[in-house]
Amino acid sequence: MKITKQNNLILFLSLTVAAYFIFLITADKLHYRPVLLGVIVEILTIPALLLMLTMFIISVIRFVKSKYKVASFTFVSIIIQLATMIFLVTNS
């Protein structure tokens, strides 16, 4: 598995976006709605969705360029992003 700064960055951003959306859905399910959380949601949700979309496209391109190596950070990033998308769609 070739570890590069770009692969580390893709994995880190994928985990960060996944954690953000998991936190939002958990806060919504627990009916936790302070004003500060509403401000954070308004500011960060659309950029996080766009980041997730662009990171997914970049991950797929890098996965294809790596000749479909399953033991790579890009594959793990794709799995994390797909799981986050499914989690968002099913829990909305």
PDB file of N, CA and C in Angstrom:
ATOM      1  N   MET A   1       0.848  -1.167   0.000  1.00  0.00           N
ATOM      2  CA  MET A   1       0.000   0.000   0.000  1.00  0.00           C
ATOM      3  C   MET A   1       0.896   1.234   0.000  1.00  0.00           C
ATOM      4  N   LYS A   2       0.739   2.037  -1.025  1.00  0.00           N
ATOM      5  CA  LYS A   2       1.529   3.253  -1.158  1.00  0.00           C
ATOM      6  C   LYS A   2       0.853   4.382  -0.372  1.00  0.00           C
ATOM      7  N   ILE A   3       1.564   4.899   0.606  1.00  0.00           N
ATOM      8  CA  ILE A   3       1.017   5.959   1.442  1.00  0.00           C
ATOM      9  C   ILE A   3       1.618   7.284   0.990  1.00  0.00           C
ATOM     10  N   THR A   4       0.748   8.183   0.547  1.00  0.00           N
ATOM     11  CA  THR A   4       1.187   9.508   0.150  1.00  0.00           C
ATOM     12  C   THR A   4       0.413  10.542   0.950  1.00  0.00           C
ATOM     13  N   LYS A   5       0.862  11.782   0.872  1.00  0.00           N
ATOM     14  CA  LYS A   5       0.168  12.850   1.582  1.00  0.00           C
ATOM     15  C   LYS A   5      -1.239  13.045   1.040  1.00  0.00           C
ATOM     16  N   GLN A   6      -1.416  12.878  -0.265  1.00  0.00           N
ATOM     17  CA  GLN A   6      -2.746  13.040  -0.860  1.00  0.00           C
ATOM     18  C   GLN A   6      -3.704  11.957  -0.357  1.00  0.00           C
ATOM     19  N   ASN A   7      -3.217  10.711  -0.274  1.00  0.00           N
ATOM     20  CA  ASN A   7      -4.064   9.633   0.222  1.00  0.00           C
ATOM     21  C   ASN A   7      -4.416   9.847   1.691  1.00  0.00           C
ATOM     22  N   ASN A   8      -3.452  10.317   2.475  1.00  0.00           N
ATOM     23  CA  ASN A   8      -3.724  10.612   3.883  1.00  0.00           C
ATOM     24  C   ASN A   8      -4.746  11.728   4.007  1.00  0.00           C
ATOM     25  N   LEU A   9      -4.620  12.755   3.176  1.00  0.00           N
ATOM     26  CA  LEU A   9      -5.551  13.882   3.208  1.00  0.00           C
ATOM     27  C   LEU A   9      -6.958  13.447   2.816  1.00  0.00           C
ATOM     28  N   ILE A  10      -7.065  12.619   1.785  1.00  0.00           N
ATOM     29  CA  ILE A  10      -8.368  12.112   1.357  1.00  0.00           C
ATOM     30  C   ILE A  10      -9.014  11.309   2.486  1.00  0.00           C
ATOM     31  N   LEU A  11      -8.251  10.448   3.120  1.00  0.00           N
ATOM     32  CA  LEU A  11      -8.793   9.647   4.216  1.00  0.00           C
ATOM     33  C   LEU A  11      -9.197  10.530   5.391  1.00  0.00           C
ATOM     34  N   PHE A  12      -8.365  11.483   5.748  1.00  0.00           N
ATOM     35  CA  PHE A  12      -8.670  12.384   6.861  1.00  0.00           C
ATOM     36  C   PHE A  12      -9.936  13.198   6.590  1.00  0.00           C
ATOM     37  N   LEU A  13     -10.062  13.751   5.393  1.00  0.00           N
ATOM     38  CA  LEU A  13     -11.250  14.531   5.059  1.00  0.00           C
ATOM     39  C   LEU A  13     -12.504  13.653   5.012  1.00  0.00           C
ATOM     40  N   SER A  14     -12.374  12.442   4.538  1.00  0.00           N
ATOM     41  CA  SER A  14     -13.515  11.528   4.521  1.00  0.00           C
ATOM     42  C   SER A  14     -13.988  11.225   5.938  1.00  0.00           C
ATOM     43  N   LEU A  15     -13.049  10.959   6.828  1.00  0.00           N
ATOM     44  CA  LEU A  15     -13.403  10.692   8.218  1.00  0.00           C
ATOM     45  C   LEU A  15     -14.003  11.915   8.896  1.00  0.00           C
ATOM     46  N   THR A  16     -13.474  13.093   8.588  1.00  0.00           N
ATOM     47  CA  THR A  16     -13.977  14.323   9.185  1.00  0.00           C
ATOM     48  C   THR A  16     -15.411  14.609   8.736  1.00  0.00           C
ATOM     49  N   VAL A  17     -15.679  14.481   7.456  1.00  0.00           N
ATOM     50  CA  VAL A  17     -17.032  14.718   6.941  1.00  0.00           C
ATOM     51  C   VAL A  17     -17.999  13.677   7.500  1.00  0.00           C
ATOM     52  N   ALA A  18     -17.571  12.425   7.576  1.00  0.00           N
ATOM     53  CA  ALA A  18     -18.427  11.375   8.134  1.00  0.00           C
ATOM     54  C   ALA A  18     -18.746  11.662   9.596  1.00  0.00           C
ATOM     55  N   ALA A  19     -17.747  12.077  10.366  1.00  0.00           N
ATOM     56  CA  ALA A  19     -17.974  12.400  11.778  1.00  0.00           C
ATOM     57  C   ALA A  19     -18.924  13.583  11.923  1.00  0.00           C
ATOM     58  N   TYR A  20     -18.788  14.579  11.055  1.00  0.00           N
ATOM     59  CA  TYR A  20     -19.663  15.750  11.095  1.00  0.00           C
ATOM     60  C   TYR A  20     -21.122  15.348  10.875  1.00  0.00           C
ATOM     61  N   PHE A  21     -21.383  14.559   9.846  1.00  0.00           N
ATOM     62  CA  PHE A  21     -22.762  14.173   9.555  1.00  0.00           C
ATOM     63  C   PHE A  21     -23.317  13.206  10.596  1.00  0.00           C
ATOM     64  N   ILE A  22     -22.494  12.327  11.123  1.00  0.00           N
ATOM     65  CA  ILE A  22     -22.951  11.444  12.197  1.00  0.00           C
ATOM     66  C   ILE A  22     -23.318  12.259  13.424  1.00  0.00           C
ATOM     67  N   PHE A  23     -22.512  13.274  13.740  1.00  0.00           N
ATOM     68  CA  PHE A  23     -22.833  14.155  14.865  1.00  0.00           C
ATOM     69  C   PHE A  23     -24.151  14.892  14.635  1.00  0.00           C
ATOM     70  N   LEU A  24     -24.358  15.403  13.425  1.00  0.00           N
ATOM     71  CA  LEU A  24     -25.602  16.125  13.138  1.00  0.00           C
ATOM     72  C   LEU A  24     -26.832  15.235  13.261  1.00  0.00           C
ATOM     73  N   ILE A  25     -26.758  14.042  12.728  1.00  0.00           N
ATOM     74  CA  ILE A  25     -27.909  13.152  12.794  1.00  0.00           C
ATOM     75  C   ILE A  25     -28.142  12.683  14.224  1.00  0.00           C
ATOM     76  N   THR A  26     -27.084  12.424  14.962  1.00  0.00           N
ATOM     77  CA  THR A  26     -27.231  12.037  16.364  1.00  0.00           C
ATOM     78  C   THR A  26     -27.846  13.165  17.180  1.00  0.00           C
ATOM     79  N   ALA A  27     -27.391  14.392  16.958  1.00  0.00           N
ATOM     80  CA  ALA A  27     -27.954  15.541  17.672  1.00  0.00           C
ATOM     81  C   ALA A  27     -29.430  15.721  17.321  1.00  0.00           C
ATOM     82  N   ASP A  28     -29.785  15.474  16.079  1.00  0.00           N
ATOM     83  CA  ASP A  28     -31.182  15.593  15.671  1.00  0.00           C
ATOM     84  C   ASP A  28     -32.041  14.504  16.315  1.00  0.00           C
ATOM     85  N   LYS A  29     -31.537  13.278  16.357  1.00  0.00           N
ATOM     86  CA  LYS A  29     -32.291  12.178  16.956  1.00  0.00           C
ATOM     87  C   LYS A  29     -32.480  12.382  18.455  1.00  0.00           C
ATOM     88  N   LEU A  30     -31.513  13.008  19.110  1.00  0.00           N
ATOM     89  CA  LEU A  30     -31.605  13.259  20.550  1.00  0.00           C
ATOM     90  C   LEU A  30     -32.305  14.576  20.864  1.00  0.00           C
ATOM     91  N   HIS A  31     -32.797  15.260  19.835  1.00  0.00           N
ATOM     92  CA  HIS A  31     -33.491  16.551  19.978  1.00  0.00           C
ATOM     93  C   HIS A  31     -32.614  17.585  20.676  1.00  0.00           C
ATOM     94  N   TYR A  32     -31.345  17.604  20.321  1.00  0.00           N
ATOM     95  CA  TYR A  32     -30.391  18.563  20.873  1.00  0.00           C
ATOM     96  C   TYR A  32     -30.247  19.691  19.858  1.00  0.00           C
ATOM     97  N   ARG A  33     -30.842  20.860  20.142  1.00  0.00           N
ATOM     98  CA  ARG A  33     -30.870  21.945  19.170  1.00  0.00           C
ATOM     99  C   ARG A  33     -30.537  23.298  19.795  1.00  0.00           C
ATOM    100  N   PRO A  34     -29.337  23.489  20.284  1.00  0.00           N
ATOM    101  CA  PRO A  34     -28.997  24.829  20.763  1.00  0.00           C
ATOM    102  C   PRO A  34     -28.760  25.769  19.573  1.00  0.00           C
ATOM    103  N   VAL A  35     -28.744  27.045  19.851  1.00  0.00           N
ATOM    104  CA  VAL A  35     -28.590  28.044  18.796  1.00  0.00           C
ATOM    105  C   VAL A  35     -27.240  27.905  18.098  1.00  0.00           C
ATOM    106  N   LEU A  36     -26.200  27.659  18.855  1.00  0.00           N
ATOM    107  CA  LEU A  36     -24.861  27.544  18.264  1.00  0.00           C
ATOM    108  C   LEU A  36     -24.793  26.389  17.266  1.00  0.00           C
ATOM    109  N   LEU A  37     -25.435  25.278  17.584  1.00  0.00           N
ATOM    110  CA  LEU A  37     -25.450  24.146  16.652  1.00  0.00           C
ATOM    111  C   LEU A  37     -26.169  24.517  15.358  1.00  0.00           C
ATOM    112  N   GLY A  38     -27.238  25.298  15.465  1.00  0.00           N
ATOM    113  CA  GLY A  38     -27.950  25.747  14.267  1.00  0.00           C
ATOM    114  C   GLY A  38     -27.093  26.628  13.386  1.00  0.00           C
ATOM    115  N   VAL A  39     -26.291  27.476  14.002  1.00  0.00           N
ATOM    116  CA  VAL A  39     -25.385  28.335  13.233  1.00  0.00           C
ATOM    117  C   VAL A  39     -24.330  27.498  12.530  1.00  0.00           C
ATOM    118  N   ILE A  40     -23.770  26.526  13.245  1.00  0.00           N
ATOM    119  CA  ILE A  40     -22.745  25.656  12.657  1.00  0.00           C
ATOM    120  C   ILE A  40     -23.329  24.853  11.500  1.00  0.00           C
ATOM    121  N   VAL A  41     -24.541  24.356  11.678  1.00  0.00           N
ATOM    122  CA  VAL A  41     -25.199  23.581  10.614  1.00  0.00           C
ATOM    123  C   VAL A  41     -25.409  24.441   9.378  1.00  0.00           C
ATOM    124  N   GLU A  42     -25.880  25.661   9.568  1.00  0.00           N
ATOM    125  CA  GLU A  42     -26.131  26.555   8.430  1.00  0.00           C
ATOM    126  C   GLU A  42     -24.847  26.894   7.674  1.00  0.00           C
ATOM    127  N   ILE A  43     -23.764  27.047   8.383  1.00  0.00           N
ATOM    128  CA  ILE A  43     -22.505  27.448   7.753  1.00  0.00           C
ATOM    129  C   ILE A  43     -21.794  26.271   7.087  1.00  0.00           C
ATOM    130  N   LEU A  44     -21.831  25.090   7.692  1.00  0.00           N
ATOM    131  CA  LEU A  44     -20.964  23.998   7.247  1.00  0.00           C
ATOM    132  C   LEU A  44     -21.623  22.894   6.435  1.00  0.00           C
ATOM    133  N   THR A  45     -22.930  22.776   6.424  1.00  0.00           N
ATOM    134  CA  THR A  45     -23.547  21.609   5.793  1.00  0.00           C
ATOM    135  C   THR A  45     -23.371  21.584   4.278  1.00  0.00           C
ATOM    136  N   ILE A  46     -23.660  22.653   3.596  1.00  0.00           N
ATOM    137  CA  ILE A  46     -23.517  22.659   2.129  1.00  0.00           C
ATOM    138  C   ILE A  46     -22.055  22.485   1.705  1.00  0.00           C
ATOM    139  N   PRO A  47     -21.088  23.198   2.329  1.00  0.00           N
ATOM    140  CA  PRO A  47     -19.693  22.914   1.967  1.00  0.00           C
ATOM    141  C   PRO A  47     -19.272  21.474   2.278  1.00  0.00           C
ATOM    142  N   ALA A  48     -19.803  20.888   3.348  1.00  0.00           N
ATOM    143  CA  ALA A  48     -19.461  19.498   3.670  1.00  0.00           C
ATOM    144  C   ALA A  48     -20.027  18.539   2.627  1.00  0.00           C
ATOM    145  N   LEU A  49     -21.241  18.804   2.166  1.00  0.00           N
ATOM    146  CA  LEU A  49     -21.812  17.966   1.103  1.00  0.00           C
ATOM    147  C   LEU A  49     -21.012  18.078  -0.191  1.00  0.00           C
ATOM    148  N   LEU A  50     -20.631  19.296  -0.549  1.00  0.00           N
ATOM    149  CA  LEU A  50     -19.815  19.485  -1.755  1.00  0.00           C
ATOM    150  C   LEU A  50     -18.446  18.836  -1.600  1.00  0.00           C
ATOM    151  N   LEU A  51     -17.859  18.939  -0.404  1.00  0.00           N
ATOM    152  CA  LEU A  51     -16.570  18.296  -0.154  1.00  0.00           C
ATOM    153  C   LEU A  51     -16.699  16.787  -0.268  1.00  0.00           C
ATOM    154  N   MET A  52     -17.771  16.228   0.262  1.00  0.00           N
ATOM    155  CA  MET A  52     -17.969  14.788   0.177  1.00  0.00           C
ATOM    156  C   MET A  52     -18.108  14.347  -1.278  1.00  0.00           C
ATOM    157  N   LEU A  53     -18.839  15.108  -2.078  1.00  0.00           N
ATOM    158  CA  LEU A  53     -19.008  14.769  -3.490  1.00  0.00           C
ATOM    159  C   LEU A  53     -17.681  14.841  -4.243  1.00  0.00           C
ATOM    160  N   THR A  54     -16.930  15.924  -4.050  1.00  0.00           N
ATOM    161  CA  THR A  54     -15.654  16.054  -4.755  1.00  0.00           C
ATOM    162  C   THR A  54     -14.636  15.025  -4.272  1.00  0.00           C
ATOM    163  N   MET A  55     -14.625  14.739  -2.965  1.00  0.00           N
ATOM    164  CA  MET A  55     -13.693  13.733  -2.458  1.00  0.00           C
ATOM    165  C   MET A  55     -14.048  12.342  -2.984  1.00  0.00           C
ATOM    166  N   PHE A  56     -15.333  12.081  -3.168  1.00  0.00           N
ATOM    167  CA  PHE A  56     -15.742  10.795  -3.734  1.00  0.00           C
ATOM    168  C   PHE A  56     -15.248  10.665  -5.173  1.00  0.00           C
ATOM    169  N   ILE A  57     -15.417  11.711  -5.961  1.00  0.00           N
ATOM    170  CA  ILE A  57     -14.951  11.676  -7.353  1.00  0.00           C
ATOM    171  C   ILE A  57     -13.436  11.516  -7.408  1.00  0.00           C
ATOM    172  N   ILE A  58     -12.718  12.284  -6.594  1.00  0.00           N
ATOM    173  CA  ILE A  58     -11.254  12.181  -6.563  1.00  0.00           C
ATOM    174  C   ILE A  58     -10.815  10.789  -6.109  1.00  0.00           C
ATOM    175  N   SER A  59     -11.507  10.238  -5.120  1.00  0.00           N
ATOM    176  CA  SER A  59     -11.158   8.904  -4.624  1.00  0.00           C
ATOM    177  C   SER A  59     -11.364   7.844  -5.694  1.00  0.00           C
ATOM    178  N   VAL A  60     -12.462   7.934  -6.418  1.00  0.00           N
ATOM    179  CA  VAL A  60     -12.715   6.951  -7.480  1.00  0.00           C
ATOM    180  C   VAL A  60     -11.654   7.071  -8.571  1.00  0.00           C
ATOM    181  N   ILE A  61     -11.311   8.277  -8.962  1.00  0.00           N
ATOM    182  CA  ILE A  61     -10.277   8.473  -9.986  1.00  0.00           C
ATOM    183  C   ILE A  61      -8.941   7.902  -9.515  1.00  0.00           C
ATOM    184  N   ARG A  62      -8.565   8.191  -8.267  1.00  0.00           N
ATOM    185  CA  ARG A  62      -7.292   7.667  -7.741  1.00  0.00           C
ATOM    186  C   ARG A  62      -7.339   6.150  -7.589  1.00  0.00           C
ATOM    187  N   PHE A  63      -8.507   5.604  -7.252  1.00  0.00           N
ATOM    188  CA  PHE A  63      -8.651   4.154  -7.131  1.00  0.00           C
ATOM    189  C   PHE A  63      -8.476   3.477  -8.482  1.00  0.00           C
ATOM    190  N   VAL A  64      -9.025   4.073  -9.527  1.00  0.00           N
ATOM    191  CA  VAL A  64      -8.862   3.524 -10.873  1.00  0.00           C
ATOM    192  C   VAL A  64      -7.407   3.636 -11.320  1.00  0.00           C
ATOM    193  N   LYS A  65      -6.762   4.770 -11.014  1.00  0.00           N
ATOM    194  CA  LYS A  65      -5.354   4.942 -11.393  1.00  0.00           C
ATOM    195  C   LYS A  65      -4.434   3.982 -10.646  1.00  0.00           C
ATOM    196  N   SER A  66      -4.843   3.560  -9.448  1.00  0.00           N
ATOM    197  CA  SER A  66      -4.023   2.610  -8.699  1.00  0.00           C
ATOM    198  C   SER A  66      -4.296   1.171  -9.105  1.00  0.00           C
ATOM    199  N   LYS A  67      -5.024   1.004 -10.202  1.00  0.00           N
ATOM    200  CA  LYS A  67      -5.349  -0.308 -10.759  1.00  0.00           C
ATOM    201  C   LYS A  67      -6.175  -1.157  -9.788  1.00  0.00           C
ATOM    202  N   TYR A  68      -7.147  -0.506  -9.141  1.00  0.00           N
ATOM    203  CA  TYR A  68      -8.132  -1.161  -8.290  1.00  0.00           C
ATOM    204  C   TYR A  68      -7.508  -1.932  -7.120  1.00  0.00           C
ATOM    205  N   LYS A  69      -6.518  -1.350  -6.488  1.00  0.00           N
ATOM    206  CA  LYS A  69      -5.914  -1.992  -5.316  1.00  0.00           C
ATOM    207  C   LYS A  69      -6.836  -1.794  -4.118  1.00  0.00           C
ATOM    208  N   VAL A  70      -7.315  -2.900  -3.599  1.00  0.00           N
ATOM    209  CA  VAL A  70      -8.265  -2.836  -2.487  1.00  0.00           C
ATOM    210  C   VAL A  70      -7.564  -2.415  -1.202  1.00  0.00           C
ATOM    211  N   ALA A  71      -6.311  -2.761  -1.056  1.00  0.00           N
ATOM    212  CA  ALA A  71      -5.556  -2.411   0.148  1.00  0.00           C
ATOM    213  C   ALA A  71      -4.942  -1.021  -0.015  1.00  0.00           C
ATOM    214  N   SER A  72      -5.793  -0.017  -0.131  1.00  0.00           N
ATOM    215  CA  SER A  72      -5.304   1.346  -0.277  1.00  0.00           C
ATOM    216  C   SER A  72      -6.212   2.291   0.495  1.00  0.00           C
ATOM    217  N   PHE A  73      -5.655   3.451   0.825  1.00  0.00           N
ATOM    218  CA  PHE A  73      -6.441   4.454   1.550  1.00  0.00           C
ATOM    219  C   PHE A  73      -7.584   4.991   0.693  1.00  0.00           C
ATOM    220  N   THR A  74      -7.400   5.026  -0.614  1.00  0.00           N
ATOM    221  CA  THR A  74      -8.477   5.533  -1.467  1.00  0.00           C
ATOM    222  C   THR A  74      -9.685   4.600  -1.450  1.00  0.00           C
ATOM    223  N   PHE A  75      -9.442   3.296  -1.396  1.00  0.00           N
ATOM    224  CA  PHE A  75     -10.553   2.350  -1.307  1.00  0.00           C
ATOM    225  C   PHE A  75     -11.286   2.501   0.021  1.00  0.00           C
ATOM    226  N   VAL A  76     -10.537   2.652   1.091  1.00  0.00           N
ATOM    227  CA  VAL A  76     -11.144   2.869   2.406  1.00  0.00           C
ATOM    228  C   VAL A  76     -11.948   4.168   2.411  1.00  0.00           C
ATOM    229  N   SER A  77     -11.430   5.198   1.763  1.00  0.00           N
ATOM    230  CA  SER A  77     -12.144   6.472   1.670  1.00  0.00           C
ATOM    231  C   SER A  77     -13.448   6.319   0.897  1.00  0.00           C
ATOM    232  N   ILE A  78     -13.424   5.547  -0.178  1.00  0.00           N
ATOM    233  CA  ILE A  78     -14.645   5.313  -0.951  1.00  0.00           C
ATOM    234  C   ILE A  78     -15.688   4.602  -0.085  1.00  0.00           C
ATOM    235  N   ILE A  79     -15.270   3.614   0.662  1.00  0.00           N
ATOM    236  CA  ILE A  79     -16.190   2.881   1.533  1.00  0.00           C
ATOM    237  C   ILE A  79     -16.774   3.807   2.595  1.00  0.00           C
ATOM    238  N   ILE A  80     -15.937   4.646   3.203  1.00  0.00           N
ATOM    239  CA  ILE A  80     -16.411   5.587   4.220  1.00  0.00           C
ATOM    240  C   ILE A  80     -17.405   6.573   3.614  1.00  0.00           C
ATOM    241  N   GLN A  81     -17.097   7.082   2.437  1.00  0.00           N
ATOM    242  CA  GLN A  81     -17.994   8.053   1.790  1.00  0.00           C
ATOM    243  C   GLN A  81     -19.311   7.412   1.384  1.00  0.00           C
ATOM    244  N   LEU A  82     -19.281   6.200   0.866  1.00  0.00           N
ATOM    245  CA  LEU A  82     -20.522   5.513   0.508  1.00  0.00           C
ATOM    246  C   LEU A  82     -21.363   5.224   1.747  1.00  0.00           C
ATOM    247  N   ALA A  83     -20.712   4.799   2.821  1.00  0.00           N
ATOM    248  CA  ALA A  83     -21.438   4.536   4.060  1.00  0.00           C
ATOM    249  C   ALA A  83     -22.060   5.817   4.604  1.00  0.00           C
ATOM    250  N   THR A  84     -21.342   6.926   4.497  1.00  0.00           N
ATOM    251  CA  THR A  84     -21.883   8.211   4.956  1.00  0.00           C
ATOM    252  C   THR A  84     -23.067   8.630   4.114  1.00  0.00           C
ATOM    253  N   MET A  85     -22.978   8.466   2.796  1.00  0.00           N
ATOM    254  CA  MET A  85     -24.099   8.820   1.918  1.00  0.00           C
ATOM    255  C   MET A  85     -25.321   7.964   2.216  1.00  0.00           C
ATOM    256  N   ILE A  86     -25.120   6.679   2.408  1.00  0.00           N
ATOM    257  CA  ILE A  86     -26.240   5.785   2.733  1.00  0.00           C
ATOM    258  C   ILE A  86     -26.835   6.160   4.086  1.00  0.00           C
ATOM    259  N   PHE A  87     -25.985   6.473   5.046  1.00  0.00           N
ATOM    260  CA  PHE A  87     -26.439   6.877   6.377  1.00  0.00           C
ATOM    261  C   PHE A  87     -27.266   8.153   6.305  1.00  0.00           C
ATOM    262  N   LEU A  88     -26.838   9.098   5.476  1.00  0.00           N
ATOM    263  CA  LEU A  88     -27.586  10.348   5.326  1.00  0.00           C
ATOM    264  C   LEU A  88     -28.942  10.136   4.673  1.00  0.00           C
ATOM    265  N   VAL A  89     -28.980   9.298   3.665  1.00  0.00           N
ATOM    266  CA  VAL A  89     -30.225   9.073   2.945  1.00  0.00           C
ATOM    267  C   VAL A  89     -31.226   8.290   3.794  1.00  0.00           C
ATOM    268  N   THR A  90     -30.763   7.299   4.520  1.00  0.00           N
ATOM    269  CA  THR A  90     -31.687   6.471   5.281  1.00  0.00           C
ATOM    270  C   THR A  90     -32.141   7.123   6.585  1.00  0.00           C
ATOM    271  N   ASN A  91     -31.398   8.072   7.132  1.00  0.00           N
ATOM    272  CA  ASN A  91     -31.754   8.689   8.406  1.00  0.00           C
ATOM    273  C   ASN A  91     -32.305  10.085   8.282  1.00  0.00           C
ATOM    274  N   SER A  92     -32.592  10.531   7.103  1.00  0.00           N
ATOM    275  CA  SER A  92     -33.100  11.893   6.940  1.00  0.00           C
ATOM    276  C   SER A  92     -34.575  11.988   7.193  1.00  0.00           C
TER     277      SER A  92
END
